[in-house]
N, C-alpha and C. Protein backbone atom coordinates (compact mmCIF):
# COMPACT_ATOMS: atom_id res chain seq x y z
N MET A 1 94.11 89.94 24.22
CA MET A 1 93.26 89.25 25.14
C MET A 1 92.33 90.13 25.81
N SER A 2 91.12 89.80 26.07
CA SER A 2 90.10 90.78 26.55
C SER A 2 90.20 91.11 28.02
N LYS A 3 89.52 92.01 28.36
CA LYS A 3 89.56 92.57 29.64
C LYS A 3 88.98 91.65 30.62
N LYS A 4 87.94 90.90 30.06
CA LYS A 4 87.23 89.88 30.83
C LYS A 4 88.06 88.79 31.15
N THR A 5 88.99 88.35 30.23
CA THR A 5 89.89 87.27 30.48
C THR A 5 90.88 87.55 31.45
N TRP A 6 91.53 88.94 31.46
CA TRP A 6 92.52 89.33 32.44
C TRP A 6 91.66 89.34 33.84
N ILE A 7 90.52 89.70 33.93
CA ILE A 7 89.88 89.83 35.27
C ILE A 7 89.68 88.39 35.84
N ILE A 8 89.18 87.45 34.88
CA ILE A 8 89.03 86.07 35.46
C ILE A 8 90.30 85.48 35.75
N GLY A 9 91.22 85.67 34.88
CA GLY A 9 92.57 85.40 35.24
C GLY A 9 92.99 85.89 36.69
N GLY A 10 92.97 87.11 36.97
CA GLY A 10 93.40 87.48 38.19
C GLY A 10 92.53 87.02 39.27
N VAL A 11 91.23 86.76 39.28
CA VAL A 11 90.49 86.14 40.32
C VAL A 11 91.02 84.83 40.51
N ALA A 12 91.16 84.06 39.43
CA ALA A 12 91.72 82.66 39.67
C ALA A 12 92.96 82.52 40.38
N ILE A 13 93.75 83.49 39.99
CA ILE A 13 95.26 83.40 40.76
C ILE A 13 94.81 83.73 42.15
N LEU A 14 94.28 84.92 42.29
CA LEU A 14 93.75 85.22 43.80
C LEU A 14 93.33 83.98 44.50
N ALA A 15 92.35 83.33 44.04
CA ALA A 15 91.69 82.12 44.64
C ALA A 15 92.85 81.15 45.01
N ILE A 16 93.53 80.66 44.03
CA ILE A 16 94.67 79.83 44.23
C ILE A 16 95.56 80.20 45.34
N ALA A 17 96.15 81.52 45.21
CA ALA A 17 97.09 82.06 46.05
C ALA A 17 96.41 81.93 47.55
N GLY A 18 95.24 82.45 47.59
CA GLY A 18 94.50 82.45 48.91
C GLY A 18 94.28 81.17 49.45
N ALA A 19 93.90 80.15 48.60
CA ALA A 19 93.86 78.83 48.96
C ALA A 19 95.07 78.23 49.67
N THR A 20 96.28 78.53 48.93
CA THR A 20 97.55 78.09 49.33
C THR A 20 97.87 78.73 50.58
N ILE A 21 97.68 79.98 50.88
CA ILE A 21 98.03 80.68 52.09
C ILE A 21 97.33 80.14 53.17
N LEU A 22 95.99 80.09 52.96
CA LEU A 22 95.06 79.56 54.02
C LEU A 22 95.50 78.11 54.40
N GLY A 23 95.88 77.28 53.34
CA GLY A 23 96.35 75.97 53.56
C GLY A 23 97.66 75.76 54.41
N ARG A 24 98.58 76.84 54.03
CA ARG A 24 99.87 76.96 54.93
C ARG A 24 99.69 77.18 56.25
N SER A 25 98.72 78.27 56.37
CA SER A 25 98.54 78.85 57.73
C SER A 25 97.95 77.87 58.64
N LEU A 26 96.98 77.12 58.14
CA LEU A 26 96.27 75.80 58.96
C LEU A 26 97.51 74.86 59.19
N ASN A 27 98.29 74.62 58.41
CA ASN A 27 99.30 73.54 58.56
C ASN A 27 100.27 73.97 59.58
N HIS A 28 100.48 75.26 59.64
CA HIS A 28 101.56 75.79 60.50
C HIS A 28 101.00 76.43 61.71
N ALA A 29 99.78 76.27 61.97
CA ALA A 29 99.18 77.08 63.13
C ALA A 29 99.72 76.74 64.45
N ASN A 30 100.40 75.57 64.79
CA ASN A 30 101.00 75.23 66.01
C ASN A 30 102.49 75.43 65.84
N ASP A 31 103.15 75.78 64.63
CA ASP A 31 104.36 76.01 64.45
C ASP A 31 104.74 77.44 64.83
N SER A 32 106.01 77.55 65.51
CA SER A 32 106.26 79.13 65.85
C SER A 32 106.58 79.89 64.42
N LYS A 33 106.96 79.34 63.58
CA LYS A 33 107.37 80.09 62.38
C LYS A 33 106.14 80.45 61.50
N GLY A 34 105.06 79.67 61.78
CA GLY A 34 103.84 80.02 60.89
C GLY A 34 102.82 80.79 61.48
N SER A 35 102.88 81.17 62.72
CA SER A 35 101.81 81.85 63.57
C SER A 35 101.66 83.29 62.91
N THR A 36 100.24 83.43 62.52
CA THR A 36 99.89 84.78 61.96
C THR A 36 99.42 85.68 63.04
N GLY A 37 99.16 85.15 64.25
CA GLY A 37 98.93 86.12 65.35
C GLY A 37 100.05 86.92 66.08
N SER A 38 101.27 86.62 65.63
CA SER A 38 102.43 87.20 66.23
C SER A 38 102.83 88.39 65.06
N ASN A 39 103.99 88.92 65.52
CA ASN A 39 104.52 89.84 64.38
C ASN A 39 105.46 89.00 63.39
N LYS A 40 105.47 87.70 63.41
CA LYS A 40 106.37 87.03 62.53
C LYS A 40 105.75 87.08 61.13
N VAL A 41 106.86 86.90 60.26
CA VAL A 41 106.49 86.97 58.63
C VAL A 41 106.61 85.57 58.10
N THR A 42 105.61 84.99 57.61
CA THR A 42 105.82 83.82 56.98
C THR A 42 106.11 84.06 55.51
N THR A 43 107.37 83.50 55.14
CA THR A 43 108.00 83.46 53.71
C THR A 43 107.31 82.40 52.93
N LEU A 44 106.64 82.75 51.73
CA LEU A 44 106.38 81.70 50.79
C LEU A 44 106.92 81.75 49.52
N LYS A 45 107.47 80.67 49.27
CA LYS A 45 108.35 80.57 47.89
C LYS A 45 107.31 80.41 46.72
N VAL A 46 107.38 81.32 45.78
CA VAL A 46 106.55 81.45 44.80
C VAL A 46 107.45 81.11 43.37
N ALA A 47 107.08 80.14 42.64
CA ALA A 47 107.81 79.64 41.54
C ALA A 47 106.82 80.11 40.26
N HIS A 48 107.49 80.59 39.17
CA HIS A 48 106.88 80.86 37.98
C HIS A 48 107.93 80.47 36.81
N THR A 49 107.50 80.32 35.67
CA THR A 49 108.16 79.95 34.54
C THR A 49 108.98 81.24 34.13
N GLN A 50 110.14 81.13 33.57
CA GLN A 50 110.98 82.17 33.30
C GLN A 50 110.87 82.97 31.94
N ASN A 51 110.06 82.23 31.30
CA ASN A 51 110.16 82.94 29.80
C ASN A 51 108.72 82.83 29.13
N TYR A 52 107.76 83.00 29.70
CA TYR A 52 106.36 82.88 29.19
C TYR A 52 105.87 84.38 29.20
N VAL A 53 106.56 85.34 28.34
CA VAL A 53 106.12 86.69 28.20
C VAL A 53 104.69 86.66 27.57
N PRO A 54 103.72 87.42 28.10
CA PRO A 54 103.88 88.48 29.17
C PRO A 54 103.29 87.95 30.46
N TYR A 55 102.91 86.79 30.73
CA TYR A 55 102.43 86.37 31.81
C TYR A 55 103.41 86.23 33.06
N ASP A 56 104.53 85.41 32.81
CA ASP A 56 105.52 85.38 33.80
C ASP A 56 106.81 85.20 33.12
N PHE A 57 107.91 85.99 33.60
CA PHE A 57 109.25 85.97 33.08
C PHE A 57 110.16 86.53 34.06
N VAL A 58 111.41 86.48 33.67
CA VAL A 58 112.65 87.02 34.41
C VAL A 58 112.93 88.10 33.44
N ASP A 59 112.92 89.42 33.92
CA ASP A 59 113.27 90.66 33.00
C ASP A 59 114.74 90.76 32.73
N GLU A 60 115.29 91.70 32.04
CA GLU A 60 116.62 91.86 31.81
C GLU A 60 117.55 92.26 33.07
N LYS A 61 116.93 92.67 34.15
CA LYS A 61 117.63 92.95 35.42
C LYS A 61 117.58 91.72 36.16
N GLY A 62 116.95 90.71 35.74
CA GLY A 62 116.98 89.43 36.69
C GLY A 62 115.81 89.43 37.57
N GLU A 63 114.78 90.18 37.45
CA GLU A 63 113.72 90.37 38.25
C GLU A 63 112.42 89.56 37.88
N SER A 64 111.68 88.99 38.68
CA SER A 64 110.46 88.34 38.41
C SER A 64 109.57 89.38 37.73
N ASP A 65 108.83 89.29 36.68
CA ASP A 65 107.91 90.05 36.17
C ASP A 65 106.82 89.31 35.33
N GLY A 66 105.84 90.18 34.83
CA GLY A 66 104.73 89.56 34.05
C GLY A 66 103.44 89.79 34.79
N TYR A 67 102.33 89.46 34.09
CA TYR A 67 101.03 89.64 34.54
C TYR A 67 100.69 88.95 35.81
N GLU A 68 101.02 87.56 35.90
CA GLU A 68 100.85 86.67 36.81
C GLU A 68 101.56 87.10 38.09
N VAL A 69 102.75 87.39 37.93
CA VAL A 69 103.73 87.92 38.86
C VAL A 69 103.19 89.26 39.59
N ALA A 70 102.76 90.09 38.73
CA ALA A 70 102.26 91.39 39.16
C ALA A 70 101.02 91.11 40.18
N VAL A 71 100.09 90.15 39.83
CA VAL A 71 98.82 89.88 40.50
C VAL A 71 99.40 89.31 41.88
N LEU A 72 100.40 88.41 41.88
CA LEU A 72 100.81 87.77 43.05
C LEU A 72 101.49 88.90 43.95
N LYS A 73 102.19 89.80 43.40
CA LYS A 73 102.73 91.00 44.07
C LYS A 73 101.82 91.69 44.77
N ALA A 74 100.66 92.06 44.16
CA ALA A 74 99.53 92.88 44.69
C ALA A 74 99.00 91.99 45.81
N ILE A 75 98.90 90.80 45.78
CA ILE A 75 98.40 90.01 46.88
C ILE A 75 99.20 90.00 48.03
N ASP A 76 100.55 89.96 47.84
CA ASP A 76 101.40 90.03 48.90
C ASP A 76 101.55 91.30 49.53
N GLU A 77 101.17 92.56 48.96
CA GLU A 77 101.21 93.71 49.46
C GLU A 77 99.97 93.68 50.58
N LYS A 78 98.89 93.09 50.14
CA LYS A 78 97.63 93.05 51.17
C LYS A 78 97.80 92.05 52.24
N LEU A 79 99.02 91.30 52.36
CA LEU A 79 98.95 90.45 53.52
C LEU A 79 100.55 90.65 54.15
N PRO A 80 100.21 91.45 55.22
CA PRO A 80 101.38 92.12 56.00
C PRO A 80 102.20 90.58 56.73
N ASP A 81 101.40 89.65 57.03
CA ASP A 81 102.00 88.40 57.76
C ASP A 81 102.83 87.54 56.81
N TYR A 82 102.76 87.94 55.45
CA TYR A 82 103.44 86.87 54.53
C TYR A 82 104.45 87.81 53.77
N LYS A 83 105.46 87.08 53.19
CA LYS A 83 106.37 87.75 52.15
C LYS A 83 106.57 86.69 50.99
N PHE A 84 106.47 87.13 49.99
CA PHE A 84 106.62 86.31 48.72
C PHE A 84 107.98 86.37 48.23
N GLU A 85 108.73 85.15 48.01
CA GLU A 85 109.98 85.16 47.29
C GLU A 85 109.82 84.43 46.00
N TYR A 86 110.17 85.01 45.07
CA TYR A 86 109.93 84.67 43.59
C TYR A 86 111.03 83.97 43.07
N THR A 87 110.83 83.12 42.24
CA THR A 87 111.84 82.23 41.64
C THR A 87 111.30 81.95 40.24
N GLY A 88 112.09 82.27 39.17
CA GLY A 88 111.95 81.98 37.80
C GLY A 88 112.62 80.49 37.41
N THR A 89 111.67 79.71 36.90
CA THR A 89 112.32 78.34 36.77
C THR A 89 111.81 77.76 35.57
N SER A 90 112.04 76.39 35.39
CA SER A 90 111.45 75.66 34.11
C SER A 90 110.06 75.03 34.47
N ASP A 91 109.46 74.74 33.59
CA ASP A 91 107.96 74.00 33.83
C ASP A 91 108.05 72.87 34.55
N ASP A 92 109.16 71.92 34.19
CA ASP A 92 109.38 70.67 35.02
C ASP A 92 109.70 71.10 36.52
N ASP A 93 110.57 71.72 36.73
CA ASP A 93 111.07 72.25 38.07
C ASP A 93 109.75 72.87 38.92
N LEU A 94 109.03 73.61 38.22
CA LEU A 94 107.82 74.26 38.98
C LEU A 94 106.97 73.05 39.59
N LEU A 95 106.50 72.24 38.54
CA LEU A 95 105.61 71.32 38.93
C LEU A 95 106.16 70.23 40.10
N ILE A 96 107.44 69.77 39.95
CA ILE A 96 108.19 68.76 40.71
C ILE A 96 108.35 69.54 42.01
N GLY A 97 108.80 70.89 41.92
CA GLY A 97 109.11 71.70 43.14
C GLY A 97 107.77 71.89 44.17
N LEU A 98 106.58 72.19 43.58
CA LEU A 98 105.42 72.16 44.16
C LEU A 98 105.03 70.98 44.65
N GLU A 99 105.24 69.72 44.25
CA GLU A 99 104.96 68.67 44.65
C GLU A 99 105.70 68.06 45.86
N SER A 100 107.02 68.53 45.77
CA SER A 100 107.96 68.16 46.75
C SER A 100 107.89 68.98 48.01
N GLY A 101 107.27 70.23 47.71
CA GLY A 101 107.50 71.45 48.87
C GLY A 101 108.46 72.32 48.78
N LYS A 102 109.32 72.21 47.60
CA LYS A 102 110.22 73.14 47.59
C LYS A 102 109.78 74.60 47.30
N TYR A 103 108.59 74.59 46.49
CA TYR A 103 107.74 75.95 46.30
C TYR A 103 106.40 75.67 47.05
N ASP A 104 106.00 76.87 47.59
CA ASP A 104 104.54 76.95 48.16
C ASP A 104 103.60 77.19 47.09
N ILE A 105 103.88 78.22 46.25
CA ILE A 105 102.90 78.55 45.12
C ILE A 105 103.50 78.48 43.90
N GLY A 106 102.82 78.23 42.87
CA GLY A 106 103.40 78.10 41.47
C GLY A 106 102.45 78.52 40.44
N THR A 107 102.81 79.34 39.58
CA THR A 107 102.00 79.99 38.40
C THR A 107 102.70 79.72 37.09
N LYS A 108 101.77 79.14 36.18
CA LYS A 108 102.25 78.84 34.80
C LYS A 108 101.12 78.53 34.14
N GLY A 109 101.21 78.48 32.74
CA GLY A 109 100.17 78.07 31.68
C GLY A 109 100.31 76.36 31.75
N ALA A 110 99.30 75.87 32.17
CA ALA A 110 99.36 74.35 32.23
C ALA A 110 98.11 73.58 31.57
N TRP A 111 98.34 72.59 30.99
CA TRP A 111 97.10 71.87 30.46
C TRP A 111 96.55 71.02 31.60
N TYR A 112 95.23 70.98 31.74
CA TYR A 112 94.71 70.12 32.79
C TYR A 112 94.71 68.61 32.55
N THR A 113 95.24 68.00 33.47
CA THR A 113 95.20 66.46 33.35
C THR A 113 94.60 65.94 34.72
N GLU A 114 94.10 64.65 34.63
CA GLU A 114 93.71 64.06 35.92
C GLU A 114 94.80 63.90 36.90
N GLU A 115 96.02 63.70 36.34
CA GLU A 115 97.15 63.49 37.43
C GLU A 115 97.42 64.77 38.27
N ARG A 116 97.43 65.83 37.44
CA ARG A 116 97.71 67.31 37.97
C ARG A 116 96.59 67.41 38.98
N ALA A 117 95.40 67.09 38.70
CA ALA A 117 94.07 67.52 39.42
C ALA A 117 94.23 66.83 40.90
N LYS A 118 94.84 65.42 40.81
CA LYS A 118 94.91 64.92 42.05
C LYS A 118 96.14 65.55 43.00
N LYS A 119 96.99 66.20 42.39
CA LYS A 119 98.08 66.90 43.04
C LYS A 119 97.94 68.26 43.57
N PHE A 120 97.23 68.99 42.65
CA PHE A 120 97.18 70.39 42.79
C PHE A 120 95.84 71.11 42.73
N ILE A 121 95.70 72.22 43.37
CA ILE A 121 94.35 72.87 43.22
C ILE A 121 94.42 73.51 41.75
N ILE A 122 93.35 73.07 40.86
CA ILE A 122 93.37 73.70 39.52
C ILE A 122 91.91 74.08 39.25
N PRO A 123 91.84 75.44 38.81
CA PRO A 123 90.42 76.09 38.49
C PRO A 123 89.67 75.04 37.63
N LYS A 124 88.25 74.95 38.01
CA LYS A 124 87.37 74.25 37.29
C LYS A 124 87.15 74.79 35.99
N GLU A 125 87.32 76.15 35.75
CA GLU A 125 87.15 76.89 34.39
C GLU A 125 88.48 77.33 33.97
N PRO A 126 88.65 77.44 32.60
CA PRO A 126 89.82 77.84 32.05
C PRO A 126 90.01 79.33 32.40
N ILE A 127 91.30 80.01 32.71
CA ILE A 127 91.39 81.34 32.88
C ILE A 127 91.91 81.99 31.54
N GLY A 128 92.36 81.31 30.55
CA GLY A 128 92.90 81.83 29.53
C GLY A 128 92.88 80.77 28.50
N ALA A 129 93.49 81.10 27.29
CA ALA A 129 93.74 80.31 26.14
C ALA A 129 95.05 80.53 25.54
N SER A 130 95.74 79.66 25.09
CA SER A 130 96.90 79.85 24.42
C SER A 130 96.59 79.77 22.89
N ILE A 131 97.39 80.52 22.25
CA ILE A 131 97.38 80.54 20.67
C ILE A 131 98.48 79.57 20.42
N ILE A 132 98.15 78.30 19.91
CA ILE A 132 99.25 77.33 19.65
C ILE A 132 99.62 77.52 18.18
N GLY A 133 100.65 78.10 18.07
CA GLY A 133 101.29 78.37 16.70
C GLY A 133 102.06 77.35 16.24
N PHE A 134 102.75 77.73 14.94
CA PHE A 134 103.39 76.87 14.21
C PHE A 134 104.64 77.64 13.74
N THR A 135 105.97 77.24 14.11
CA THR A 135 106.94 77.97 13.74
C THR A 135 107.98 77.20 12.79
N VAL A 136 108.43 77.83 11.67
CA VAL A 136 109.25 77.13 10.76
C VAL A 136 110.45 78.14 10.56
N ARG A 137 111.56 77.41 9.87
CA ARG A 137 112.62 78.26 9.54
C ARG A 137 112.40 79.21 8.37
N LYS A 138 112.84 80.24 8.27
CA LYS A 138 112.69 81.23 7.14
C LYS A 138 112.86 80.51 5.73
N GLU A 139 113.96 79.70 5.67
CA GLU A 139 114.20 78.90 4.39
C GLU A 139 113.18 78.09 4.07
N ASP A 140 112.13 77.58 5.02
CA ASP A 140 111.06 76.73 4.54
C ASP A 140 109.88 77.44 4.48
N ALA A 141 109.83 78.82 4.56
CA ALA A 141 108.58 79.59 4.41
C ALA A 141 107.73 79.18 3.28
N ASP A 142 108.29 79.00 2.05
CA ASP A 142 107.65 78.63 0.93
C ASP A 142 106.91 77.10 0.93
N LYS A 143 107.75 76.42 1.55
CA LYS A 143 107.47 75.03 1.57
C LYS A 143 106.17 74.62 2.52
N TYR A 144 106.21 75.45 3.57
CA TYR A 144 104.95 75.13 4.58
C TYR A 144 104.19 76.33 4.80
N LYS A 145 103.18 76.37 4.12
CA LYS A 145 102.14 77.37 4.27
C LYS A 145 101.04 77.23 5.14
N ASN A 146 100.83 75.89 5.57
CA ASN A 146 99.71 75.37 6.61
C ASN A 146 99.98 74.19 7.07
N ILE A 147 99.45 73.53 8.17
CA ILE A 147 99.59 72.49 8.72
C ILE A 147 99.44 71.31 7.67
N ASP A 148 98.50 71.36 6.77
CA ASP A 148 98.51 70.29 5.54
C ASP A 148 99.87 70.13 4.96
N ASP A 149 100.35 71.25 4.41
CA ASP A 149 101.67 71.09 3.78
C ASP A 149 102.92 70.57 4.88
N PHE A 150 102.75 70.86 6.03
CA PHE A 150 103.77 70.34 6.99
C PHE A 150 103.58 68.82 7.07
N ALA A 151 102.47 68.31 7.29
CA ALA A 151 102.04 66.91 7.37
C ALA A 151 102.44 66.27 5.96
N LYS A 152 101.96 66.84 4.96
CA LYS A 152 102.33 66.19 3.57
C LYS A 152 103.83 65.93 3.33
N GLU A 153 104.55 67.09 3.78
CA GLU A 153 105.93 67.02 3.44
C GLU A 153 106.78 66.29 4.59
N LYS A 154 106.01 65.67 5.64
CA LYS A 154 106.52 65.04 6.75
C LYS A 154 107.59 65.77 7.55
N GLY A 155 107.07 67.05 7.70
CA GLY A 155 107.98 67.95 8.66
C GLY A 155 108.33 67.41 9.88
N LYS A 156 109.43 67.72 10.53
CA LYS A 156 109.89 67.27 11.80
C LYS A 156 109.43 68.17 12.92
N LEU A 157 108.73 67.58 13.98
CA LEU A 157 108.20 68.47 15.14
C LEU A 157 109.45 68.38 16.06
N VAL A 158 109.55 69.47 16.76
CA VAL A 158 110.56 69.70 17.85
C VAL A 158 109.77 70.29 18.95
N PRO A 159 109.57 69.37 20.02
CA PRO A 159 108.57 69.89 21.18
C PRO A 159 109.44 71.02 22.02
N ILE A 160 108.79 71.87 22.55
CA ILE A 160 109.47 73.00 23.25
C ILE A 160 109.81 72.33 24.59
N SER A 161 109.00 71.56 25.22
CA SER A 161 109.34 70.90 26.41
C SER A 161 108.46 69.52 26.43
N PRO A 162 109.12 68.40 27.02
CA PRO A 162 108.74 67.04 27.00
C PRO A 162 107.25 67.04 27.34
N GLN A 163 106.92 67.66 28.56
CA GLN A 163 105.56 67.63 29.11
C GLN A 163 104.29 68.49 28.41
N MET A 164 104.70 69.26 27.31
CA MET A 164 103.84 70.19 26.71
C MET A 164 102.91 69.15 25.72
N ARG A 165 101.62 69.38 26.02
CA ARG A 165 100.79 68.58 25.22
C ARG A 165 100.47 69.18 23.93
N ASN A 166 100.67 70.48 23.63
CA ASN A 166 100.40 70.94 22.25
C ASN A 166 101.18 70.19 21.28
N GLY A 167 102.45 69.60 21.58
CA GLY A 167 103.28 68.91 20.65
C GLY A 167 102.49 67.61 20.22
N MET A 168 101.81 67.00 21.28
CA MET A 168 101.09 65.67 21.11
C MET A 168 99.84 65.95 20.37
N LEU A 169 99.34 66.94 20.50
CA LEU A 169 98.03 67.51 19.64
C LEU A 169 98.41 67.67 18.28
N LEU A 170 99.47 68.38 18.01
CA LEU A 170 100.02 68.58 16.73
C LEU A 170 100.44 67.49 15.95
N LYS A 171 100.94 66.46 16.74
CA LYS A 171 101.45 65.18 16.19
C LYS A 171 100.29 64.52 15.70
N ASN A 172 99.16 64.22 16.65
CA ASN A 172 97.90 63.70 16.18
C ASN A 172 97.19 64.24 15.04
N THR A 173 97.28 65.54 14.94
CA THR A 173 96.54 66.33 13.85
C THR A 173 97.27 65.89 12.53
N MET A 174 98.67 65.98 12.44
CA MET A 174 99.13 65.46 11.34
C MET A 174 99.03 64.17 10.83
N LYS A 175 98.92 63.32 11.97
CA LYS A 175 98.77 61.82 11.75
C LYS A 175 97.38 61.73 10.83
N ASN A 176 96.47 62.45 11.49
CA ASN A 176 94.98 62.36 10.86
C ASN A 176 95.04 62.93 9.46
N ILE A 177 95.71 64.03 9.14
CA ILE A 177 95.83 64.64 7.87
C ILE A 177 96.27 63.71 6.86
N ARG A 178 97.48 62.88 7.43
CA ARG A 178 98.15 61.98 6.44
C ARG A 178 97.08 60.82 6.18
N THR A 179 96.52 60.35 7.18
CA THR A 179 95.68 59.18 7.10
C THR A 179 94.30 59.57 6.19
N ASN A 180 93.94 60.74 6.33
CA ASN A 180 92.76 61.23 5.51
C ASN A 180 93.11 61.48 4.04
N LYS A 181 94.40 61.83 3.77
CA LYS A 181 94.95 62.22 2.37
C LYS A 181 95.13 60.96 1.66
N SER A 182 95.49 59.92 2.51
CA SER A 182 95.79 58.54 1.73
C SER A 182 94.58 57.85 1.47
N ASN A 183 93.58 58.06 2.07
CA ASN A 183 92.32 57.44 1.61
C ASN A 183 91.59 57.87 0.51
């Protein structure tokens, strides 16, 4: 990943975290627990996916780690009136938890959808790109050399997570390959 992508990613995370903190501060301005003018510290619950290495994950010691977590920890150090508590969780729990208020901040790789845009602050410009790969069993290595082979042999897709769009995209690609080969 290029240095430019890391910088853009960091700025986007800073913007999202800053907007969340500002929003929480304004919502709690009259609350005794949220007043930033006093010596009280406001705790923000930060959720991240637990196995999206190197971006966010839980390490062998059970500690939150990764690039996105490191950026949020750096933000936390700059904000003495706030303390971030990190929770590694699933993709589903992260989004449901943000929506329900269980978490104040969430960081994860997520596809843009209109539904998510109605509920969450999402950067207008992408901050990175995933390499969507294709994993097969070793015993099938000679059988499947590319996506065309997989489609032709009617290989079985197993989605990583039900809300992940890459499974849908791969399924549609395979359908198009099969349709075009039969014409």
